């Protein structure tokens, strides 16, 4: 569950995109942001559930939250909060 205290600096809607696009978009957003900024990623590709945590681990960013939801049609949706390290 996401904390209401965490307000993302940047929001990325990667719904409908397949990996590696969501991770590439996250990487671009992180590069353009300042240390401590928080990026929210919304995705529908299930492979983001391991790609985004590994991205954070390897590049020294903090995965603040990871959540699996269902959209209005019952399809799975993934949300992440990533803080630039």
PDB file of N, CA and C in Angstrom:
ATOM      1  N   UNK A   1       0.839  -1.183   0.000  1.00  0.00           N
ATOM      2  CA  UNK A   1       0.000   0.000   0.000  1.00  0.00           C
ATOM      3  C   UNK A   1       0.882   1.243   0.000  1.00  0.00           C
ATOM      4  N   UNK A   2       0.495   2.226  -0.754  1.00  0.00           N
ATOM      5  CA  UNK A   2       1.270   3.454  -0.853  1.00  0.00           C
ATOM      6  C   UNK A   2       0.950   4.369   0.315  1.00  0.00           C
ATOM      7  N   UNK A   3       1.977   5.002   0.829  1.00  0.00           N
ATOM      8  CA  UNK A   3       1.791   5.951   1.918  1.00  0.00           C
ATOM      9  C   UNK A   3       1.258   7.260   1.349  1.00  0.00           C
ATOM     10  N   UNK A   4       0.248   7.859   1.977  1.00  0.00           N
ATOM     11  CA  UNK A   4      -0.260   9.140   1.481  1.00  0.00           C
ATOM     12  C   UNK A   4       0.763  10.267   1.617  1.00  0.00           C
ATOM     13  N   UNK A   5       1.798  10.063   2.444  1.00  0.00           N
ATOM     14  CA  UNK A   5       2.826  11.083   2.625  1.00  0.00           C
ATOM     15  C   UNK A   5       3.782  11.155   1.436  1.00  0.00           C
ATOM     16  N   UNK A   6       3.808  10.117   0.607  1.00  0.00           N
ATOM     17  CA  UNK A   6       4.729  10.074  -0.525  1.00  0.00           C
ATOM     18  C   UNK A   6       4.064  10.674  -1.754  1.00  0.00           C
ATOM     19  N   UNK A   7       4.510  11.863  -2.132  1.00  0.00           N
ATOM     20  CA  UNK A   7       3.990  12.519  -3.323  1.00  0.00           C
ATOM     21  C   UNK A   7       5.033  12.427  -4.415  1.00  0.00           C
ATOM     22  N   UNK A   8       4.717  11.763  -5.524  1.00  0.00           N
ATOM     23  CA  UNK A   8       5.707  11.628  -6.586  1.00  0.00           C
ATOM     24  C   UNK A   8       6.038  12.966  -7.228  1.00  0.00           C
ATOM     25  N   UNK A   9       7.309  13.129  -7.566  1.00  0.00           N
ATOM     26  CA  UNK A   9       7.767  14.301  -8.297  1.00  0.00           C
ATOM     27  C   UNK A   9       7.426  14.136  -9.772  1.00  0.00           C
ATOM     28  N   UNK A  10       7.534  12.905 -10.258  1.00  0.00           N
ATOM     29  CA  UNK A  10       7.301  12.572 -11.665  1.00  0.00           C
ATOM     30  C   UNK A  10       6.367  11.368 -11.722  1.00  0.00           C
ATOM     31  N   UNK A  11       5.420  11.383 -12.651  1.00  0.00           N
ATOM     32  CA  UNK A  11       4.536  10.239 -12.861  1.00  0.00           C
ATOM     33  C   UNK A  11       4.739   9.712 -14.278  1.00  0.00           C
ATOM     34  N   UNK A  12       4.959   8.410 -14.393  1.00  0.00           N
ATOM     35  CA  UNK A  12       5.131   7.758 -15.691  1.00  0.00           C
ATOM     36  C   UNK A  12       3.989   6.781 -15.922  1.00  0.00           C
ATOM     37  N   UNK A  13       3.263   6.972 -17.000  1.00  0.00           N
ATOM     38  CA  UNK A  13       2.212   6.038 -17.382  1.00  0.00           C
ATOM     39  C   UNK A  13       2.773   5.145 -18.479  1.00  0.00           C
ATOM     40  N   UNK A  14       3.157   3.927 -18.119  1.00  0.00           N
ATOM     41  CA  UNK A  14       3.705   2.990 -19.101  1.00  0.00           C
ATOM     42  C   UNK A  14       2.712   1.870 -19.405  1.00  0.00           C
ATOM     43  N   UNK A  15       1.446   2.095 -19.078  1.00  0.00           N
ATOM     44  CA  UNK A  15       0.419   1.082 -19.340  1.00  0.00           C
ATOM     45  C   UNK A  15       0.398   0.748 -20.828  1.00  0.00           C
ATOM     46  N   UNK A  16       0.329  -0.547 -21.120  1.00  0.00           N
ATOM     47  CA  UNK A  16       0.275  -0.996 -22.502  1.00  0.00           C
ATOM     48  C   UNK A  16       1.640  -1.192 -23.146  1.00  0.00           C
ATOM     49  N   UNK A  17       2.697  -0.721 -22.497  1.00  0.00           N
ATOM     50  CA  UNK A  17       4.046  -0.887 -23.035  1.00  0.00           C
ATOM     51  C   UNK A  17       4.664  -2.160 -22.482  1.00  0.00           C
ATOM     52  N   UNK A  18       5.473  -2.813 -23.283  1.00  0.00           N
ATOM     53  CA  UNK A  18       6.154  -4.041 -22.876  1.00  0.00           C
ATOM     54  C   UNK A  18       7.607  -3.722 -22.565  1.00  0.00           C
ATOM     55  N   UNK A  19       8.179  -4.494 -21.659  1.00  0.00           N
ATOM     56  CA  UNK A  19       9.591  -4.328 -21.341  1.00  0.00           C
ATOM     57  C   UNK A  19      10.410  -4.585 -22.589  1.00  0.00           C
ATOM     58  N   UNK A  20      11.430  -3.776 -22.775  1.00  0.00           N
ATOM     59  CA  UNK A  20      12.122  -2.933 -21.803  1.00  0.00           C
ATOM     60  C   UNK A  20      11.641  -1.491 -21.733  1.00  0.00           C
ATOM     61  N   UNK A  21      10.567  -1.120 -22.466  1.00  0.00           N
ATOM     62  CA  UNK A  21      10.159   0.281 -22.514  1.00  0.00           C
ATOM     63  C   UNK A  21       9.868   0.908 -21.147  1.00  0.00           C
ATOM     64  N   UNK A  22       9.101   0.268 -20.244  1.00  0.00           N
ATOM     65  CA  UNK A  22       8.867   0.905 -18.944  1.00  0.00           C
ATOM     66  C   UNK A  22      10.162   1.193 -18.173  1.00  0.00           C
ATOM     67  N   UNK A  23      11.108   0.261 -18.216  1.00  0.00           N
ATOM     68  CA  UNK A  23      12.375   0.461 -17.498  1.00  0.00           C
ATOM     69  C   UNK A  23      13.204   1.549 -18.177  1.00  0.00           C
ATOM     70  N   UNK A  24      13.177   1.598 -19.501  1.00  0.00           N
ATOM     71  CA  UNK A  24      13.908   2.645 -20.215  1.00  0.00           C
ATOM     72  C   UNK A  24      13.331   4.022 -19.899  1.00  0.00           C
ATOM     73  N   UNK A  25      12.005   4.119 -19.831  1.00  0.00           N
ATOM     74  CA  UNK A  25      11.369   5.394 -19.487  1.00  0.00           C
ATOM     75  C   UNK A  25      11.699   5.791 -18.055  1.00  0.00           C
ATOM     76  N   UNK A  26      11.710   4.821 -17.141  1.00  0.00           N
ATOM     77  CA  UNK A  26      12.093   5.093 -15.758  1.00  0.00           C
ATOM     78  C   UNK A  26      13.533   5.584 -15.702  1.00  0.00           C
ATOM     79  N   UNK A  27      14.414   4.935 -16.448  1.00  0.00           N
ATOM     80  CA  UNK A  27      15.825   5.328 -16.465  1.00  0.00           C
ATOM     81  C   UNK A  27      15.977   6.769 -16.952  1.00  0.00           C
ATOM     82  N   UNK A  28      15.262   7.161 -17.994  1.00  0.00           N
ATOM     83  CA  UNK A  28      15.318   8.537 -18.497  1.00  0.00           C
ATOM     84  C   UNK A  28      14.800   9.521 -17.458  1.00  0.00           C
ATOM     85  N   UNK A  29      13.694   9.179 -16.807  1.00  0.00           N
ATOM     86  CA  UNK A  29      13.119  10.068 -15.792  1.00  0.00           C
ATOM     87  C   UNK A  29      14.069  10.233 -14.616  1.00  0.00           C
ATOM     88  N   UNK A  30      14.705   9.151 -14.185  1.00  0.00           N
ATOM     89  CA  UNK A  30      15.652   9.203 -13.074  1.00  0.00           C
ATOM     90  C   UNK A  30      16.856  10.072 -13.441  1.00  0.00           C
ATOM     91  N   UNK A  31      17.357   9.926 -14.667  1.00  0.00           N
ATOM     92  CA  UNK A  31      18.518  10.720 -15.097  1.00  0.00           C
ATOM     93  C   UNK A  31      18.220  12.209 -15.088  1.00  0.00           C
ATOM     94  N   UNK A  32      16.985  12.589 -15.427  1.00  0.00           N
ATOM     95  CA  UNK A  32      16.609  14.002 -15.494  1.00  0.00           C
ATOM     96  C   UNK A  32      16.229  14.572 -14.127  1.00  0.00           C
ATOM     97  N   UNK A  33      16.011  13.716 -13.147  1.00  0.00           N
ATOM     98  CA  UNK A  33      15.551  14.177 -11.832  1.00  0.00           C
ATOM     99  C   UNK A  33      16.719  14.453 -10.892  1.00  0.00           C
ATOM    100  N   UNK A  34      16.379  15.066  -9.754  1.00  0.00           N
ATOM    101  CA  UNK A  34      17.378  15.371  -8.727  1.00  0.00           C
ATOM    102  C   UNK A  34      17.398  14.255  -7.685  1.00  0.00           C
ATOM    103  N   UNK A  35      18.495  14.169  -6.963  1.00  0.00           N
ATOM    104  CA  UNK A  35      18.612  13.191  -5.886  1.00  0.00           C
ATOM    105  C   UNK A  35      17.476  13.404  -4.891  1.00  0.00           C
ATOM    106  N   UNK A  36      16.805  12.335  -4.526  1.00  0.00           N
ATOM    107  CA  UNK A  36      15.694  12.417  -3.588  1.00  0.00           C
ATOM    108  C   UNK A  36      14.330  12.513  -4.251  1.00  0.00           C
ATOM    109  N   UNK A  37      14.293  12.840  -5.553  1.00  0.00           N
ATOM    110  CA  UNK A  37      13.014  12.896  -6.261  1.00  0.00           C
ATOM    111  C   UNK A  37      12.379  11.506  -6.296  1.00  0.00           C
ATOM    112  N   UNK A  38      11.049  11.482  -6.332  1.00  0.00           N
ATOM    113  CA  UNK A  38      10.302  10.224  -6.350  1.00  0.00           C
ATOM    114  C   UNK A  38       9.551  10.107  -7.676  1.00  0.00           C
ATOM    115  N   UNK A  39       9.732   8.973  -8.337  1.00  0.00           N
ATOM    116  CA  UNK A  39       9.063   8.691  -9.607  1.00  0.00           C
ATOM    117  C   UNK A  39       8.016   7.603  -9.378  1.00  0.00           C
ATOM    118  N   UNK A  40       6.789   7.871  -9.806  1.00  0.00           N
ATOM    119  CA  UNK A  40       5.729   6.862  -9.766  1.00  0.00           C
ATOM    120  C   UNK A  40       5.619   6.247 -11.158  1.00  0.00           C
ATOM    121  N   UNK A  41       5.607   4.929 -11.221  1.00  0.00           N
ATOM    122  CA  UNK A  41       5.464   4.207 -12.483  1.00  0.00           C
ATOM    123  C   UNK A  41       4.176   3.392 -12.427  1.00  0.00           C
ATOM    124  N   UNK A  42       3.346   3.550 -13.448  1.00  0.00           N
ATOM    125  CA  UNK A  42       2.135   2.749 -13.609  1.00  0.00           C
ATOM    126  C   UNK A  42       2.361   1.853 -14.815  1.00  0.00           C
ATOM    127  N   UNK A  43       2.181   0.552 -14.651  1.00  0.00           N
ATOM    128  CA  UNK A  43       2.494  -0.395 -15.721  1.00  0.00           C
ATOM    129  C   UNK A  43       1.470  -1.520 -15.769  1.00  0.00           C
ATOM    130  N   UNK A  44       1.397  -2.158 -16.933  1.00  0.00           N
ATOM    131  CA  UNK A  44       0.552  -3.344 -17.089  1.00  0.00           C
ATOM    132  C   UNK A  44       1.377  -4.580 -17.423  1.00  0.00           C
ATOM    133  N   UNK A  45       2.645  -4.409 -17.732  1.00  0.00           N
ATOM    134  CA  UNK A  45       3.519  -5.537 -18.077  1.00  0.00           C
ATOM    135  C   UNK A  45       3.979  -6.232 -16.798  1.00  0.00           C
ATOM    136  N   UNK A  46       3.638  -7.513 -16.615  1.00  0.00           N
ATOM    137  CA  UNK A  46       4.026  -8.209 -15.386  1.00  0.00           C
ATOM    138  C   UNK A  46       5.533  -8.326 -15.190  1.00  0.00           C
ATOM    139  N   UNK A  47       6.311  -8.263 -16.251  1.00  0.00           N
ATOM    140  CA  UNK A  47       7.767  -8.381 -16.083  1.00  0.00           C
ATOM    141  C   UNK A  47       8.360  -7.182 -15.353  1.00  0.00           C
ATOM    142  N   UNK A  48       7.603  -6.079 -15.244  1.00  0.00           N
ATOM    143  CA  UNK A  48       8.107  -4.944 -14.463  1.00  0.00           C
ATOM    144  C   UNK A  48       8.235  -5.309 -12.988  1.00  0.00           C
ATOM    145  N   UNK A  49       7.487  -6.331 -12.543  1.00  0.00           N
ATOM    146  CA  UNK A  49       7.532  -6.699 -11.122  1.00  0.00           C
ATOM    147  C   UNK A  49       8.889  -7.240 -10.697  1.00  0.00           C
ATOM    148  N   UNK A  50       9.713  -7.670 -11.630  1.00  0.00           N
ATOM    149  CA  UNK A  50      11.093  -8.027 -11.273  1.00  0.00           C
ATOM    150  C   UNK A  50      12.093  -7.088 -11.931  1.00  0.00           C
ATOM    151  N   UNK A  51      11.758  -6.509 -13.101  1.00  0.00           N
ATOM    152  CA  UNK A  51      12.704  -5.610 -13.780  1.00  0.00           C
ATOM    153  C   UNK A  51      12.933  -4.309 -13.012  1.00  0.00           C
ATOM    154  N   UNK A  52      11.877  -3.708 -12.488  1.00  0.00           N
ATOM    155  CA  UNK A  52      12.035  -2.431 -11.785  1.00  0.00           C
ATOM    156  C   UNK A  52      12.778  -2.610 -10.463  1.00  0.00           C
ATOM    157  N   UNK A  53      12.459  -3.614  -9.627  1.00  0.00           N
ATOM    158  CA  UNK A  53      13.276  -3.812  -8.419  1.00  0.00           C
ATOM    159  C   UNK A  53      14.754  -4.068  -8.733  1.00  0.00           C
ATOM    160  N   UNK A  54      15.042  -4.846  -9.782  1.00  0.00           N
ATOM    161  CA  UNK A  54      16.443  -5.099 -10.147  1.00  0.00           C
ATOM    162  C   UNK A  54      17.117  -3.827 -10.645  1.00  0.00           C
ATOM    163  N   UNK A  55      16.402  -3.017 -11.408  1.00  0.00           N
ATOM    164  CA  UNK A  55      16.917  -1.730 -11.866  1.00  0.00           C
ATOM    165  C   UNK A  55      17.343  -0.889 -10.663  1.00  0.00           C
ATOM    166  N   UNK A  56      16.468  -0.809  -9.659  1.00  0.00           N
ATOM    167  CA  UNK A  56      16.762  -0.017  -8.455  1.00  0.00           C
ATOM    168  C   UNK A  56      17.978  -0.569  -7.719  1.00  0.00           C
ATOM    169  N   UNK A  57      18.022  -1.869  -7.545  1.00  0.00           N
ATOM    170  CA  UNK A  57      19.116  -2.497  -6.809  1.00  0.00           C
ATOM    171  C   UNK A  57      20.458  -2.260  -7.502  1.00  0.00           C
ATOM    172  N   UNK A  58      20.505  -2.438  -8.810  1.00  0.00           N
ATOM    173  CA  UNK A  58      21.769  -2.327  -9.542  1.00  0.00           C
ATOM    174  C   UNK A  58      22.249  -0.888  -9.687  1.00  0.00           C
ATOM    175  N   UNK A  59      21.323   0.079  -9.708  1.00  0.00           N
ATOM    176  CA  UNK A  59      21.730   1.467  -9.928  1.00  0.00           C
ATOM    177  C   UNK A  59      21.680   2.318  -8.662  1.00  0.00           C
ATOM    178  N   UNK A  60      21.347   1.706  -7.529  1.00  0.00           N
ATOM    179  CA  UNK A  60      21.414   2.414  -6.254  1.00  0.00           C
ATOM    180  C   UNK A  60      20.245   3.335  -5.960  1.00  0.00           C
ATOM    181  N   UNK A  61      19.085   3.052  -6.547  1.00  0.00           N
ATOM    182  CA  UNK A  61      17.885   3.825  -6.248  1.00  0.00           C
ATOM    183  C   UNK A  61      17.034   3.018  -5.272  1.00  0.00           C
ATOM    184  N   UNK A  62      16.145   3.703  -4.559  1.00  0.00           N
ATOM    185  CA  UNK A  62      15.344   3.010  -3.551  1.00  0.00           C
ATOM    186  C   UNK A  62      13.931   2.749  -4.062  1.00  0.00           C
ATOM    187  N   UNK A  63      13.525   1.494  -4.011  1.00  0.00           N
ATOM    188  CA  UNK A  63      12.150   1.131  -4.336  1.00  0.00           C
ATOM    189  C   UNK A  63      11.335   1.345  -3.064  1.00  0.00           C
ATOM    190  N   UNK A  64      10.599   2.449  -3.022  1.00  0.00           N
ATOM    191  CA  UNK A  64       9.845   2.812  -1.824  1.00  0.00           C
ATOM    192  C   UNK A  64       8.570   1.996  -1.684  1.00  0.00           C
ATOM    193  N   UNK A  65       7.959   1.648  -2.818  1.00  0.00           N
ATOM    194  CA  UNK A  65       6.701   0.901  -2.775  1.00  0.00           C
ATOM    195  C   UNK A  65       6.500   0.152  -4.080  1.00  0.00           C
ATOM    196  N   UNK A  66       5.858  -0.995  -3.964  1.00  0.00           N
ATOM    197  CA  UNK A  66       5.502  -1.816  -5.120  1.00  0.00           C
ATOM    198  C   UNK A  66       4.125  -2.378  -4.822  1.00  0.00           C
ATOM    199  N   UNK A  67       3.203  -2.197  -5.745  1.00  0.00           N
ATOM    200  CA  UNK A  67       1.818  -2.578  -5.484  1.00  0.00           C
ATOM    201  C   UNK A  67       1.204  -3.199  -6.743  1.00  0.00           C
ATOM    202  N   UNK A  68       0.434  -4.250  -6.551  1.00  0.00           N
ATOM    203  CA  UNK A  68      -0.295  -4.884  -7.650  1.00  0.00           C
ATOM    204  C   UNK A  68      -1.777  -4.622  -7.446  1.00  0.00           C
ATOM    205  N   UNK A  69      -2.410  -4.045  -8.451  1.00  0.00           N
ATOM    206  CA  UNK A  69      -3.824  -3.681  -8.381  1.00  0.00           C
ATOM    207  C   UNK A  69      -4.578  -4.314  -9.540  1.00  0.00           C
ATOM    208  N   UNK A  70      -5.877  -4.098  -9.574  1.00  0.00           N
ATOM    209  CA  UNK A  70      -6.688  -4.469 -10.738  1.00  0.00           C
ATOM    210  C   UNK A  70      -7.381  -3.203 -11.218  1.00  0.00           C
ATOM    211  N   UNK A  71      -7.380  -3.013 -12.545  1.00  0.00           N
ATOM    212  CA  UNK A  71      -8.054  -1.842 -13.089  1.00  0.00           C
ATOM    213  C   UNK A  71      -9.564  -2.097 -13.149  1.00  0.00           C
ATOM    214  N   UNK A  72     -10.308  -1.163 -13.731  1.00  0.00           N
ATOM    215  CA  UNK A  72     -11.770  -1.254 -13.762  1.00  0.00           C
ATOM    216  C   UNK A  72     -12.269  -2.482 -14.523  1.00  0.00           C
ATOM    217  N   UNK A  73     -11.454  -3.001 -15.435  1.00  0.00           N
ATOM    218  CA  UNK A  73     -11.862  -4.177 -16.215  1.00  0.00           C
ATOM    219  C   UNK A  73     -11.374  -5.484 -15.600  1.00  0.00           C
ATOM    220  N   UNK A  74     -10.667  -5.399 -14.475  1.00  0.00           N
ATOM    221  CA  UNK A  74     -10.170  -6.591 -13.805  1.00  0.00           C
ATOM    222  C   UNK A  74      -8.767  -7.001 -14.204  1.00  0.00           C
ATOM    223  N   UNK A  75      -8.133  -6.233 -15.091  1.00  0.00           N
ATOM    224  CA  UNK A  75      -6.762  -6.538 -15.501  1.00  0.00           C
ATOM    225  C   UNK A  75      -5.769  -6.058 -14.456  1.00  0.00           C
ATOM    226  N   UNK A  76      -4.671  -6.790 -14.323  1.00  0.00           N
ATOM    227  CA  UNK A  76      -3.642  -6.411 -13.352  1.00  0.00           C
ATOM    228  C   UNK A  76      -2.925  -5.143 -13.792  1.00  0.00           C
ATOM    229  N   UNK A  77      -2.621  -4.332 -12.793  1.00  0.00           N
ATOM    230  CA  UNK A  77      -1.860  -3.103 -13.002  1.00  0.00           C
ATOM    231  C   UNK A  77      -0.819  -3.032 -11.889  1.00  0.00           C
ATOM    232  N   UNK A  78       0.331  -2.506 -12.203  1.00  0.00           N
ATOM    233  CA  UNK A  78       1.435  -2.448 -11.248  1.00  0.00           C
ATOM    234  C   UNK A  78       1.810  -0.995 -11.016  1.00  0.00           C
ATOM    235  N   UNK A  79       2.042  -0.662  -9.732  1.00  0.00           N
ATOM    236  CA  UNK A  79       2.462   0.698  -9.361  1.00  0.00           C
ATOM    237  C   UNK A  79       3.738   0.608  -8.544  1.00  0.00           C
ATOM    238  N   UNK A  80       4.641   1.538  -8.828  1.00  0.00           N
ATOM    239  CA  UNK A  80       5.932   1.581  -8.141  1.00  0.00           C
ATOM    240  C   UNK A  80       6.241   3.016  -7.761  1.00  0.00           C
ATOM    241  N   UNK A  81       6.902   3.190  -6.635  1.00  0.00           N
ATOM    242  CA  UNK A  81       7.496   4.471  -6.259  1.00  0.00           C
ATOM    243  C   UNK A  81       8.989   4.239  -6.134  1.00  0.00           C
ATOM    244  N   UNK A  82       9.760   4.996  -6.909  1.00  0.00           N
ATOM    245  CA  UNK A  82      11.210   4.862  -6.936  1.00  0.00           C
ATOM    246  C   UNK A  82      11.818   6.202  -6.569  1.00  0.00           C
ATOM    247  N   UNK A  83      12.710   6.189  -5.578  1.00  0.00           N
ATOM    248  CA  UNK A  83      13.405   7.414  -5.174  1.00  0.00           C
ATOM    249  C   UNK A  83      14.822   7.389  -5.716  1.00  0.00           C
ATOM    250  N   UNK A  84      15.182   8.489  -6.380  1.00  0.00           N
ATOM    251  CA  UNK A  84      16.528   8.571  -6.941  1.00  0.00           C
ATOM    252  C   UNK A  84      17.549   8.596  -5.821  1.00  0.00           C
ATOM    253  N   UNK A  85      18.569   7.748  -5.944  1.00  0.00           N
ATOM    254  CA  UNK A  85      19.620   7.644  -4.938  1.00  0.00           C
ATOM    255  C   UNK A  85      20.708   8.668  -5.114  1.00  0.00           C
TER     256      UNK A  85
END
